[in-house]
Amino acid sequence: MGSMPLANAFLTAEQLHGPEPSYPLELAFCPRCTLLQITKTVPPEELFSNYLYLSSCSETMLRESKELAEQLIESRHLTPENLVVELGSNDGYQLQYFMSRDIRVLGIDPARNLAQIANAKGVRTLCEFFGKDLAMDLRARGTSADIIIAKNVLAHVADLNGFVEGIGTLLDERGVAIVEVPYVKDLIDHREFDTIYHEHLCYFSLIALDQLFKNHGMNLVDVQRISIHGGSLRVYVAHDSSGQPRDSVRSLLQNETQWKMNDATAYVGFAKEVERIKRSLRSLLKSLRSDGKRLAAYGAAAKGTVLLNYCGIGDDLIEFVVDVSPYKQGRYVPGVHLRIDSPSKLLEEMPDYVLLLAWNFADEIIKQQAEYLRRGGRFIVPIPEPRIVGERCDEYRDV
């Protein structure tokens, strides 16, 4: 995908004229462990020490997190005696729902700004990178977790084996870990190329996850396919001694073998499809601009940085970007240097079309922007195929 800036390194006005690091972005398949992974590892301190993605800014994320907490409290019969630990706990968005039921929590996140936000809310959070050493230290101090949650964090980890070993160390013998990862089958099927960036080192099939956890004495005991982030896997993991795979695990492993997710066959043609979408989207945007239409974009997400830079979409096509997060407003998108403003600017400026960069939250965003649509505005949803959505949900497919 060429050389790419760091997807979440949103710039201040003062940084616009300074050096901006970029790194090669290439996706590779390992036939030995079946893992899909990028080939360049950026130091995690450069990626995560100050992080501008806040999970609490998404109503979808909050709703899904509350539902997960309620399901675990009921199914695992959690009480104030139990401890729930979240790895990559962000601003405390998940753990707050356990706290509201008087269940003990501990968040672990390396981003200083997010740990401060979480602790200010009363969500006890350690500002640390999680791994086997931290897990051993916590265990030596008498801490063991009845529940460990790791949502959309495993893909970010350079030392996968150390991270998973740490889960096994910290998890009580009767405990369960819930791990969510974007699902590589959905990535390929839906051509979600913009989810490939330097923070996401790895892209998991269930076969790869099964092998990874077995290497550290743990079993996948259950799996669910969920819709969040364009399609994800939620796996439930337990120690060998306390859990055996359910039919859901055996069935999906069998399906993946039939889909050939364990060899390169499944990935042939993906690059060509991505290149086709790039041409299709650019053609659509250039055609609209040639017709005198004004264009903006919604969602200063990491995937937006990738899509804009890979497709070469800058200020010649897009006037500005809007995002609900106050921490991103006033900053600029890496690489293309488009300014980020509040969503209120859509009604102030009324661009004819808005490119929906945060397409994984399309339903939520389109619902929020009902007035923009009512006034005649339209959204362009780029993935899995560029299409136009207006108040009557018209679709433009033949680009």
Protein backbone atom coordinates (compact mmCIF):
# COMPACT_ATOMS: atom_id res chain seq x y z
CA MET A 1 0.00 0.00 0.00
CA GLY A 2 3.04 2.26 -0.29
CA SER A 3 4.50 4.51 2.38
CA MET A 4 1.89 5.58 4.94
CA PRO A 5 1.87 8.05 7.87
CA LEU A 6 0.84 6.75 11.28
CA ALA A 7 -2.93 6.49 11.11
CA ASN A 8 -3.72 8.10 14.47
CA ALA A 9 -0.94 10.73 14.47
CA PHE A 10 -3.33 13.66 13.97
CA LEU A 11 -1.36 16.88 13.59
CA THR A 12 -1.62 20.25 15.28
CA ALA A 13 -1.31 23.37 13.14
CA GLU A 14 2.24 23.83 14.45
CA GLN A 15 3.24 20.36 13.26
CA LEU A 16 2.03 20.82 9.67
CA HIS A 17 5.34 22.16 8.43
CA GLY A 18 7.57 19.81 10.40
CA PRO A 19 8.81 16.30 9.53
CA GLU A 20 6.08 13.65 9.38
CA PRO A 21 7.29 10.04 9.65
CA SER A 22 5.91 7.44 7.28
CA TYR A 23 6.55 3.74 6.97
CA PRO A 24 6.01 1.05 4.33
CA LEU A 25 2.64 -0.69 4.66
CA GLU A 26 2.69 -4.24 3.32
CA LEU A 27 0.47 -7.21 4.19
CA ALA A 28 1.91 -10.73 4.22
CA PHE A 29 0.67 -14.27 4.93
CA CYS A 30 2.64 -16.82 6.96
CA PRO A 31 1.94 -20.38 5.76
CA ARG A 32 3.41 -21.87 8.95
CA CYS A 33 1.23 -20.19 11.60
CA THR A 34 -1.53 -19.00 9.18
CA LEU A 35 -1.25 -15.44 10.49
CA LEU A 36 -1.88 -12.46 8.22
CA GLN A 37 0.42 -9.66 9.31
CA ILE A 38 2.14 -6.46 8.20
CA THR A 39 5.88 -6.56 7.66
CA LYS A 40 6.94 -3.38 9.52
CA THR A 41 6.66 -2.99 13.29
CA VAL A 42 6.64 0.60 14.52
CA PRO A 43 7.82 0.99 18.14
CA PRO A 44 4.71 0.82 20.35
CA GLU A 45 5.85 3.84 22.39
CA GLU A 46 5.55 5.90 19.21
CA LEU A 47 2.02 4.61 18.55
CA PHE A 48 0.30 4.43 21.90
CA SER A 49 1.87 6.78 24.49
CA ASN A 50 -0.60 9.53 23.57
CA TYR A 51 -3.71 8.15 21.85
CA LEU A 52 -6.59 10.19 20.45
CA TYR A 53 -9.13 7.41 19.89
CA LEU A 54 -11.75 7.47 22.66
CA SER A 55 -14.17 4.56 22.66
CA SER A 56 -16.72 6.55 24.67
CA CYS A 57 -17.32 8.81 21.65
CA SER A 58 -19.26 6.02 19.95
CA GLU A 59 -22.80 5.18 21.03
CA THR A 60 -22.43 1.83 19.28
CA MET A 61 -19.34 0.96 21.31
CA LEU A 62 -21.01 1.98 24.57
CA ARG A 63 -24.15 -0.04 23.83
CA GLU A 64 -22.15 -3.14 22.88
CA SER A 65 -19.96 -2.75 26.00
CA LYS A 66 -22.95 -2.49 28.32
CA GLU A 67 -24.51 -5.59 26.76
CA LEU A 68 -21.28 -7.57 27.18
CA ALA A 69 -20.97 -6.53 30.82
CA GLU A 70 -24.54 -7.54 31.60
CA GLN A 71 -24.11 -10.88 29.84
CA LEU A 72 -20.91 -11.69 31.76
CA ILE A 73 -22.33 -10.58 35.12
CA GLU A 74 -25.30 -12.90 34.62
CA SER A 75 -23.58 -15.91 33.02
CA ARG A 76 -20.52 -15.89 35.32
CA HIS A 77 -22.53 -14.92 38.45
CA LEU A 78 -20.16 -12.05 39.21
CA THR A 79 -20.22 -10.41 42.64
CA PRO A 80 -18.23 -7.62 44.35
CA GLU A 81 -15.70 -10.32 45.27
CA ASN A 82 -14.73 -10.86 41.64
CA LEU A 83 -12.17 -8.89 39.63
CA VAL A 84 -12.54 -7.87 35.97
CA VAL A 85 -9.36 -6.75 34.21
CA GLU A 86 -9.38 -5.07 30.81
CA LEU A 87 -6.26 -4.91 28.64
CA GLY A 88 -6.17 -1.85 26.41
CA SER A 89 -8.94 -0.34 28.53
CA ASN A 90 -8.94 3.04 26.76
CA ASP A 91 -10.95 5.65 28.71
CA GLY A 92 -12.77 3.14 30.93
CA TYR A 93 -15.74 2.79 28.58
CA GLN A 94 -16.13 -0.98 29.22
CA LEU A 95 -15.19 -1.27 32.87
CA GLN A 96 -17.63 1.45 33.98
CA TYR A 97 -20.51 -0.99 33.45
CA PHE A 98 -19.00 -3.46 35.89
CA MET A 99 -18.26 -0.70 38.40
CA SER A 100 -21.91 0.37 38.32
CA ARG A 101 -22.71 -3.11 39.69
CA ASP A 102 -20.05 -2.82 42.44
CA ILE A 103 -17.72 -5.33 40.77
CA ARG A 104 -14.00 -4.68 41.20
CA VAL A 105 -12.15 -3.58 38.06
CA LEU A 106 -8.63 -2.87 36.87
CA GLY A 107 -7.78 -1.24 33.55
CA ILE A 108 -4.38 -1.49 31.88
CA ASP A 109 -3.55 0.91 29.06
CA PRO A 110 -0.23 2.42 27.91
CA ALA A 111 -1.69 5.77 26.75
CA ARG A 112 -1.07 8.38 29.44
CA ASN A 113 -3.93 10.64 28.36
CA LEU A 114 -6.46 7.78 28.35
CA ALA A 115 -5.33 6.43 31.71
CA GLN A 116 -5.76 9.90 33.18
CA ILE A 117 -9.29 10.18 31.77
CA ALA A 118 -10.23 6.74 33.12
CA ASN A 119 -8.78 7.37 36.58
CA ALA A 120 -10.58 10.72 36.73
CA LYS A 121 -13.83 8.76 36.20
CA GLY A 122 -12.92 6.47 39.09
CA VAL A 123 -11.95 3.53 36.85
CA ARG A 124 -8.72 2.25 38.42
CA THR A 125 -6.21 2.12 35.53
CA LEU A 126 -2.52 1.30 35.29
CA CYS A 127 -0.60 3.18 32.60
CA GLU A 128 1.48 0.24 31.41
CA PHE A 129 2.09 -2.02 28.43
CA PHE A 130 0.67 -5.44 29.28
CA GLY A 131 2.78 -8.57 28.89
CA LYS A 132 4.12 -11.55 30.79
CA ASP A 133 6.34 -9.43 33.08
CA LEU A 134 3.50 -7.19 34.26
CA ALA A 135 1.23 -10.22 34.66
CA MET A 136 3.83 -11.99 36.82
CA ASP A 137 4.27 -8.85 38.92
CA LEU A 138 0.52 -8.51 39.49
CA ARG A 139 0.20 -12.21 40.32
CA ALA A 140 3.10 -11.96 42.79
CA ARG A 141 1.16 -9.19 44.54
CA GLY A 142 -1.86 -11.47 44.89
CA THR A 143 -3.88 -10.23 41.92
CA SER A 144 -5.70 -12.75 39.73
CA ALA A 145 -8.53 -12.00 37.32
CA ASP A 146 -11.85 -13.83 37.17
CA ILE A 147 -12.52 -12.09 33.84
CA ILE A 148 -9.98 -10.66 31.41
CA ILE A 149 -11.28 -8.56 28.52
CA ALA A 150 -9.12 -7.65 25.53
CA LYS A 151 -11.16 -5.89 22.86
CA ASN A 152 -9.40 -4.84 19.67
CA VAL A 153 -6.01 -4.91 21.37
CA LEU A 154 -4.48 -8.24 20.27
CA ALA A 155 -3.94 -6.92 16.74
CA HIS A 156 -1.84 -4.09 18.17
CA VAL A 157 0.62 -6.30 20.04
CA ALA A 158 4.14 -6.87 18.72
CA ASP A 159 4.99 -9.61 21.26
CA LEU A 160 1.92 -11.82 20.78
CA ASN A 161 3.36 -14.75 22.68
CA GLY A 162 4.35 -12.61 25.66
CA PHE A 163 0.91 -10.97 25.72
CA VAL A 164 -0.96 -14.29 25.59
CA GLU A 165 1.35 -15.82 28.17
CA GLY A 166 0.51 -12.84 30.37
CA ILE A 167 -3.20 -13.57 29.99
CA GLY A 168 -2.61 -17.15 31.08
CA THR A 169 -0.58 -15.98 34.08
CA LEU A 170 -3.08 -13.37 35.29
CA LEU A 171 -6.24 -15.41 34.63
CA ASP A 172 -7.61 -17.42 37.56
CA GLU A 173 -7.72 -21.17 36.96
CA ARG A 174 -11.53 -21.03 36.72
CA GLY A 175 -11.60 -17.67 34.92
CA VAL A 176 -12.36 -16.78 31.33
CA ALA A 177 -10.78 -14.30 28.93
CA ILE A 178 -12.88 -12.56 26.28
CA VAL A 179 -10.84 -11.49 23.27
CA GLU A 180 -12.26 -9.54 20.34
CA VAL A 181 -10.42 -9.12 17.05
CA PRO A 182 -11.47 -7.90 13.60
CA TYR A 183 -12.12 -11.06 11.57
CA VAL A 184 -9.86 -11.63 8.60
CA LYS A 185 -12.63 -13.41 6.66
CA ASP A 186 -14.75 -10.24 6.80
CA LEU A 187 -11.73 -8.11 5.90
CA ILE A 188 -11.20 -10.14 2.72
CA ASP A 189 -14.87 -10.65 1.79
CA HIS A 190 -15.84 -7.01 2.35
CA ARG A 191 -12.56 -5.57 1.02
CA GLU A 192 -11.89 -3.65 4.23
CA PHE A 193 -8.41 -2.55 3.18
CA ASP A 194 -8.55 0.65 5.23
CA THR A 195 -8.40 -1.39 8.45
CA ILE A 196 -4.81 -2.27 7.51
CA TYR A 197 -2.45 0.17 9.23
CA HIS A 198 0.66 0.17 11.40
CA GLU A 199 -1.19 -0.16 14.71
CA HIS A 200 -2.81 -3.34 13.40
CA LEU A 201 0.13 -5.70 13.18
CA CYS A 202 -1.95 -8.88 12.84
CA TYR A 203 -5.24 -10.00 11.24
CA PHE A 204 -6.71 -13.15 12.76
CA SER A 205 -8.54 -16.21 11.58
CA LEU A 206 -9.91 -18.58 14.21
CA ILE A 207 -7.31 -21.14 13.09
CA ALA A 208 -4.52 -18.70 13.96
CA LEU A 209 -6.10 -17.80 17.32
CA ASP A 210 -6.63 -21.46 18.20
CA GLN A 211 -2.97 -22.25 17.57
CA LEU A 212 -1.77 -19.16 19.44
CA PHE A 213 -3.69 -19.87 22.65
CA LYS A 214 -2.98 -23.61 22.58
CA ASN A 215 0.71 -22.78 22.53
CA HIS A 216 0.19 -21.26 25.98
CA GLY A 217 -1.99 -23.93 27.61
CA MET A 218 -5.38 -22.39 26.87
CA ASN A 219 -8.42 -23.42 24.83
CA LEU A 220 -10.93 -21.48 22.81
CA VAL A 221 -14.17 -22.57 24.48
CA ASP A 222 -16.66 -20.46 22.52
CA VAL A 223 -16.74 -18.05 19.58
CA GLN A 224 -19.23 -15.54 18.23
CA ARG A 225 -19.17 -13.57 15.00
CA ILE A 226 -20.22 -10.00 15.78
CA SER A 227 -20.81 -7.03 13.50
CA ILE A 228 -18.69 -4.40 15.27
CA HIS A 229 -15.86 -2.83 13.22
CA GLY A 230 -17.02 -4.35 9.96
CA GLY A 231 -17.06 -7.91 11.33
CA SER A 232 -15.21 -9.29 14.35
CA LEU A 233 -14.66 -12.48 16.31
CA ARG A 234 -15.37 -12.64 20.03
CA VAL A 235 -13.62 -15.66 21.51
CA TYR A 236 -13.89 -17.02 25.04
CA VAL A 237 -10.65 -18.52 26.33
CA ALA A 238 -10.01 -20.71 29.37
CA HIS A 239 -7.19 -22.77 30.82
CA ASP A 240 -6.92 -26.32 29.46
CA SER A 241 -8.03 -27.68 32.82
CA SER A 242 -11.29 -25.72 32.95
CA GLY A 243 -12.77 -25.55 29.47
CA GLN A 244 -13.25 -27.54 26.28
CA PRO A 245 -14.33 -26.19 22.88
CA ARG A 246 -18.05 -25.91 22.15
CA ASP A 247 -19.63 -26.75 18.81
CA SER A 248 -19.33 -23.10 17.76
CA VAL A 249 -15.53 -23.37 17.81
CA ARG A 250 -15.34 -26.73 16.08
CA SER A 251 -17.81 -25.63 13.40
CA LEU A 252 -16.01 -22.38 12.52
CA LEU A 253 -12.61 -24.10 12.47
CA GLN A 254 -14.03 -26.61 10.01
CA ASN A 255 -15.55 -23.83 7.90
CA GLU A 256 -12.25 -21.95 7.77
CA THR A 257 -10.49 -25.06 6.53
CA GLN A 258 -13.07 -25.34 3.76
CA TRP A 259 -12.62 -21.63 2.97
CA LYS A 260 -8.83 -22.28 2.80
CA MET A 261 -8.10 -19.60 5.38
CA ASN A 262 -5.03 -21.63 6.37
CA ASP A 263 -3.23 -21.09 3.07
CA ALA A 264 -2.61 -18.22 0.68
CA THR A 265 -5.43 -19.30 -1.66
CA ALA A 266 -8.02 -17.30 0.28
CA TYR A 267 -6.11 -14.07 -0.21
CA VAL A 268 -5.40 -14.26 -3.93
CA GLY A 269 -7.13 -11.43 -5.74
CA PHE A 270 -7.60 -9.25 -2.65
CA ALA A 271 -4.97 -6.74 -3.81
CA LYS A 272 -6.59 -6.43 -7.23
CA GLU A 273 -10.00 -5.78 -5.65
CA VAL A 274 -8.51 -3.10 -3.43
CA GLU A 275 -6.92 -1.38 -6.41
CA ARG A 276 -10.25 -1.51 -8.27
CA ILE A 277 -12.09 0.15 -5.36
CA LYS A 278 -9.41 2.84 -5.22
CA ARG A 279 -9.97 3.68 -8.89
CA SER A 280 -13.75 3.51 -8.51
CA LEU A 281 -13.87 5.85 -5.52
CA ARG A 282 -11.49 8.39 -7.05
CA SER A 283 -13.50 8.33 -10.26
CA LEU A 284 -16.72 9.04 -8.36
CA LEU A 285 -15.24 11.91 -6.33
CA LYS A 286 -13.56 13.51 -9.36
CA SER A 287 -16.80 13.26 -11.34
CA LEU A 288 -18.76 14.99 -8.57
CA ARG A 289 -16.17 17.75 -8.26
CA SER A 290 -16.19 18.24 -12.04
CA ASP A 291 -19.95 18.75 -11.76
CA GLY A 292 -19.32 21.56 -9.27
CA LYS A 293 -20.33 19.59 -6.16
CA ARG A 294 -18.80 20.37 -2.75
CA LEU A 295 -17.38 17.42 -0.79
CA ALA A 296 -16.48 16.88 2.86
CA ALA A 297 -15.70 13.77 4.94
CA TYR A 298 -17.01 12.40 8.24
CA GLY A 299 -14.90 10.50 10.75
CA ALA A 300 -11.26 11.25 11.55
CA ALA A 301 -10.71 7.57 12.17
CA ALA A 302 -7.48 5.67 11.60
CA LYS A 303 -9.15 3.89 8.69
CA GLY A 304 -9.92 7.32 7.25
CA THR A 305 -6.24 8.24 7.28
CA VAL A 306 -5.46 5.06 5.35
CA LEU A 307 -8.26 5.47 2.81
CA LEU A 308 -7.49 9.13 2.08
CA ASN A 309 -3.75 8.58 1.73
CA TYR A 310 -3.90 5.31 -0.22
CA CYS A 311 -6.50 6.67 -2.64
CA GLY A 312 -4.77 10.03 -2.97
CA ILE A 313 -7.77 12.03 -1.75
CA GLY A 314 -6.70 15.46 -0.54
CA ASP A 315 -7.89 19.06 -0.55
CA ASP A 316 -8.31 18.96 -4.33
CA LEU A 317 -11.38 16.76 -3.70
CA ILE A 318 -12.34 17.16 -0.02
CA GLU A 319 -12.76 20.55 1.69
CA PHE A 320 -12.72 19.43 5.34
CA VAL A 321 -13.29 16.51 7.72
CA VAL A 322 -15.63 16.44 10.72
CA ASP A 323 -15.45 14.26 13.81
CA VAL A 324 -17.40 14.08 17.05
CA SER A 325 -14.27 13.76 19.24
CA PRO A 326 -13.24 17.13 20.74
CA TYR A 327 -9.69 15.76 21.03
CA LYS A 328 -9.40 15.62 17.22
CA GLN A 329 -11.19 18.85 16.33
CA GLY A 330 -8.75 21.54 15.27
CA ARG A 331 -6.14 18.97 14.24
CA TYR A 332 -5.27 17.72 10.76
CA VAL A 333 -5.43 14.28 9.12
CA PRO A 334 -1.95 12.73 8.76
CA GLY A 335 -0.47 12.83 5.27
CA VAL A 336 -3.26 14.70 3.47
CA HIS A 337 -3.45 17.50 6.10
CA LEU A 338 -7.20 18.05 5.91
CA ARG A 339 -8.53 20.07 8.86
CA ILE A 340 -10.87 18.34 11.33
CA ASP A 341 -13.90 20.27 12.58
CA SER A 342 -17.04 19.61 14.60
CA PRO A 343 -19.96 17.81 12.87
CA SER A 344 -21.94 21.04 13.27
CA LYS A 345 -19.99 22.36 10.29
CA LEU A 346 -21.98 20.06 8.00
CA LEU A 347 -25.15 22.08 8.55
CA GLU A 348 -23.24 25.36 8.47
CA GLU A 349 -21.55 24.62 5.13
CA MET A 350 -23.97 22.06 3.63
CA PRO A 351 -21.54 20.25 1.33
CA ASP A 352 -23.38 18.27 -1.35
CA TYR A 353 -21.69 14.98 -0.43
CA VAL A 354 -19.91 13.63 2.65
CA LEU A 355 -17.46 10.75 2.32
CA LEU A 356 -18.15 8.48 5.30
CA LEU A 357 -14.69 7.46 6.48
CA ALA A 358 -15.99 5.81 9.68
CA TRP A 359 -18.17 3.46 7.64
CA ASN A 360 -18.18 0.86 10.44
CA PHE A 361 -20.49 3.24 12.35
CA ALA A 362 -22.53 4.19 9.28
CA ASP A 363 -25.97 3.51 10.81
CA GLU A 364 -25.17 5.53 13.93
CA ILE A 365 -23.71 8.49 12.01
CA ILE A 366 -26.42 8.63 9.34
CA LYS A 367 -29.08 8.58 12.05
CA GLN A 368 -27.32 11.42 13.90
CA GLN A 369 -27.13 13.47 10.69
CA ALA A 370 -30.80 13.14 9.73
CA GLU A 371 -31.13 16.93 9.36
CA TYR A 372 -28.21 17.08 6.93
CA LEU A 373 -29.94 14.41 4.82
CA ARG A 374 -33.30 16.14 5.12
CA ARG A 375 -31.75 19.29 3.64
CA GLY A 376 -30.57 17.32 0.62
CA GLY A 377 -27.11 16.19 1.66
CA ARG A 378 -25.82 12.74 0.76
CA PHE A 379 -23.27 10.33 2.17
CA ILE A 380 -20.76 8.33 0.16
CA VAL A 381 -20.05 4.96 1.83
CA PRO A 382 -16.76 3.63 0.35
CA ILE A 383 -16.66 0.05 1.68
CA PRO A 384 -17.26 -2.66 0.48
CA GLU A 385 -18.23 -0.83 -2.73
CA PRO A 386 -18.59 2.94 -3.24
CA ARG A 387 -22.27 3.89 -2.99
CA ILE A 388 -24.29 7.02 -2.34
CA VAL A 389 -26.89 7.19 0.44
CA GLY A 390 -29.47 9.97 0.62
CA GLU A 391 -32.62 10.51 2.65
CA ARG A 392 -34.38 7.84 0.57
CA CYS A 393 -31.35 5.51 0.81
CA ASP A 394 -30.60 5.78 -2.92
CA GLU A 395 -27.53 3.82 -3.93
CA TYR A 396 -24.96 4.60 -6.59
CA ARG A 397 -23.21 1.36 -7.54
CA ASP A 398 -22.15 1.55 -11.17
CA VAL A 399 -19.05 3.74 -10.64
